[in-house]
Amino acid sequence: MAILVPSIVILAVTAVVLIRISRRSTLPPSPRPSRIDDDRFERLEQAVDSIAIEVERISESQRFSAKLLAERIKEDANSERASRPSVS
């Protein structure tokens, strides 16, 4: 009896593992995406590329505007210093 119970447990576990392995090998392969999906992904990729270019243009414009504003503030500060009478 001491050998019978562990033997039955081992056989049951082995049977379950073999059944799972056989079921795994009989599954059909996953379907390949259709041509329509490929076309949609290509259009999506082109749209994302276009958006990235536009965002880069916007950020370049913002950097340029910030640079001009900083220069204007600097010039205004210099002109205020020059227009103030010097106290000696």
C-alpha atoms as a PDB file:
ATOM      1  CA  MET A   1       0.000   0.000   0.000  1.00  0.00           C
ATOM      2  CA  ALA A   2       2.881   2.366   0.764  1.00  0.00           C
ATOM      3  CA  ILE A   3       4.174   1.982  -2.807  1.00  0.00           C
ATOM      4  CA  LEU A   4       0.775   1.933  -4.522  1.00  0.00           C
ATOM      5  CA  VAL A   5      -0.381   5.498  -3.602  1.00  0.00           C
ATOM      6  CA  PRO A   6       2.805   7.310  -4.739  1.00  0.00           C
ATOM      7  CA  SER A   7       2.843   5.247  -7.935  1.00  0.00           C
ATOM      8  CA  ILE A   8      -0.742   6.254  -8.757  1.00  0.00           C
ATOM      9  CA  VAL A   9       0.042   9.932  -8.070  1.00  0.00           C
ATOM     10  CA  ILE A  10       3.114   9.812 -10.328  1.00  0.00           C
ATOM     11  CA  LEU A  11       1.137   8.105 -13.116  1.00  0.00           C
ATOM     12  CA  ALA A  12      -1.675  10.655 -12.824  1.00  0.00           C
ATOM     13  CA  VAL A  13       0.726  13.606 -12.993  1.00  0.00           C
ATOM     14  CA  THR A  14       2.521  12.045 -15.966  1.00  0.00           C
ATOM     15  CA  ALA A  15      -0.798  11.522 -17.747  1.00  0.00           C
ATOM     16  CA  VAL A  16      -1.838  15.123 -17.192  1.00  0.00           C
ATOM     17  CA  VAL A  17       1.486  16.405 -18.516  1.00  0.00           C
ATOM     18  CA  LEU A  18       1.297  14.180 -21.612  1.00  0.00           C
ATOM     19  CA  ILE A  19      -2.275  15.322 -22.329  1.00  0.00           C
ATOM     20  CA  ARG A  20      -1.248  18.986 -22.087  1.00  0.00           C
ATOM     21  CA  ILE A  21       1.731  18.432 -24.383  1.00  0.00           C
ATOM     22  CA  SER A  22      -0.424  16.669 -26.971  1.00  0.00           C
ATOM     23  CA  ARG A  23      -3.026  19.450 -26.881  1.00  0.00           C
ATOM     24  CA  ARG A  24      -0.356  22.104 -27.325  1.00  0.00           C
ATOM     25  CA  SER A  25       0.983  20.479 -30.477  1.00  0.00           C
ATOM     26  CA  THR A  26      -2.483  20.148 -32.043  1.00  0.00           C
ATOM     27  CA  LEU A  27      -3.328  23.874 -31.810  1.00  0.00           C
ATOM     28  CA  PRO A  28      -3.510  25.540 -35.202  1.00  0.00           C
ATOM     29  CA  PRO A  29      -0.886  28.186 -35.900  1.00  0.00           C
ATOM     30  CA  SER A  30      -1.959  31.735 -35.229  1.00  0.00           C
ATOM     31  CA  PRO A  31      -3.332  33.456 -38.321  1.00  0.00           C
ATOM     32  CA  ARG A  32      -1.064  35.879 -40.162  1.00  0.00           C
ATOM     33  CA  PRO A  33      -2.307  39.482 -40.258  1.00  0.00           C
ATOM     34  CA  SER A  34      -4.148  40.220 -43.461  1.00  0.00           C
ATOM     35  CA  ARG A  35      -2.977  42.590 -46.172  1.00  0.00           C
ATOM     36  CA  ILE A  36      -5.557  45.114 -44.987  1.00  0.00           C
ATOM     37  CA  ASP A  37      -3.884  45.257 -41.588  1.00  0.00           C
ATOM     38  CA  ASP A  38      -0.493  45.757 -43.238  1.00  0.00           C
ATOM     39  CA  ASP A  39      -1.879  48.689 -45.260  1.00  0.00           C
ATOM     40  CA  ARG A  40      -3.466  50.224 -42.168  1.00  0.00           C
ATOM     41  CA  PHE A  41      -0.235  49.931 -40.196  1.00  0.00           C
ATOM     42  CA  GLU A  42       1.696  51.526 -43.061  1.00  0.00           C
ATOM     43  CA  ARG A  43      -0.723  54.473 -43.172  1.00  0.00           C
ATOM     44  CA  LEU A  44      -0.553  54.762 -39.393  1.00  0.00           C
ATOM     45  CA  GLU A  45       3.246  54.814 -39.538  1.00  0.00           C
ATOM     46  CA  GLN A  46       3.186  57.555 -42.177  1.00  0.00           C
ATOM     47  CA  ALA A  47       0.748  59.585 -40.087  1.00  0.00           C
ATOM     48  CA  VAL A  48       2.942  59.266 -36.996  1.00  0.00           C
ATOM     49  CA  ASP A  49       5.990  60.337 -39.019  1.00  0.00           C
ATOM     50  CA  SER A  50       4.108  63.388 -40.308  1.00  0.00           C
ATOM     51  CA  ILE A  51       3.019  64.316 -36.796  1.00  0.00           C
ATOM     52  CA  ALA A  52       6.599  63.961 -35.544  1.00  0.00           C
ATOM     53  CA  ILE A  53       7.840  66.329 -38.257  1.00  0.00           C
ATOM     54  CA  GLU A  54       5.155  68.901 -37.417  1.00  0.00           C
ATOM     55  CA  VAL A  55       5.927  68.698 -33.701  1.00  0.00           C
ATOM     56  CA  GLU A  56       9.615  69.264 -34.487  1.00  0.00           C
ATOM     57  CA  ARG A  57       8.688  72.334 -36.564  1.00  0.00           C
ATOM     58  CA  ILE A  58       6.558  73.682 -33.728  1.00  0.00           C
ATOM     59  CA  SER A  59       9.327  73.168 -31.176  1.00  0.00           C
ATOM     60  CA  GLU A  60      11.889  74.817 -33.473  1.00  0.00           C
ATOM     61  CA  SER A  61       9.553  77.795 -33.894  1.00  0.00           C
ATOM     62  CA  GLN A  62       9.107  78.036 -30.143  1.00  0.00           C
ATOM     63  CA  ARG A  63      12.885  77.931 -29.552  1.00  0.00           C
ATOM     64  CA  PHE A  64      13.355  80.679 -32.152  1.00  0.00           C
ATOM     65  CA  SER A  65      10.640  82.842 -30.560  1.00  0.00           C
ATOM     66  CA  ALA A  66      12.119  82.354 -27.101  1.00  0.00           C
ATOM     67  CA  LYS A  67      15.549  83.322 -28.418  1.00  0.00           C
ATOM     68  CA  LEU A  68      14.161  86.517 -30.001  1.00  0.00           C
ATOM     69  CA  LEU A  69      12.287  87.386 -26.829  1.00  0.00           C
ATOM     70  CA  ALA A  70      15.396  86.860 -24.693  1.00  0.00           C
ATOM     71  CA  GLU A  71      17.429  89.078 -27.028  1.00  0.00           C
ATOM     72  CA  ARG A  72      14.746  91.788 -26.947  1.00  0.00           C
ATOM     73  CA  ILE A  73      14.641  91.717 -23.127  1.00  0.00           C
ATOM     74  CA  LYS A  74      18.425  91.946 -23.030  1.00  0.00           C
ATOM     75  CA  GLU A  75      18.435  94.894 -25.452  1.00  0.00           C
ATOM     76  CA  ASP A  76      15.710  96.670 -23.449  1.00  0.00           C
ATOM     77  CA  ALA A  77      17.695  96.212 -20.241  1.00  0.00           C
ATOM     78  CA  ASN A  78      20.835  97.581 -21.902  1.00  0.00           C
ATOM     79  CA  SER A  79      18.987 100.583 -23.328  1.00  0.00           C
ATOM     80  CA  GLU A  80      17.474 101.387 -19.911  1.00  0.00           C
ATOM     81  CA  ARG A  81      20.936 101.365 -18.346  1.00  0.00           C
ATOM     82  CA  ALA A  82      22.263 103.637 -21.060  1.00  0.00           C
ATOM     83  CA  SER A  83      19.376 106.111 -20.726  1.00  0.00           C
ATOM     84  CA  ARG A  84      19.705 106.463 -16.935  1.00  0.00           C
ATOM     85  CA  PRO A  85      21.909 109.268 -15.770  1.00  0.00           C
ATOM     86  CA  SER A  86      24.984 108.034 -14.018  1.00  0.00           C
ATOM     87  CA  VAL A  87      25.385 109.076 -10.423  1.00  0.00           C
ATOM     88  CA  SER A  88      28.977 109.866  -9.507  1.00  0.00           C
END
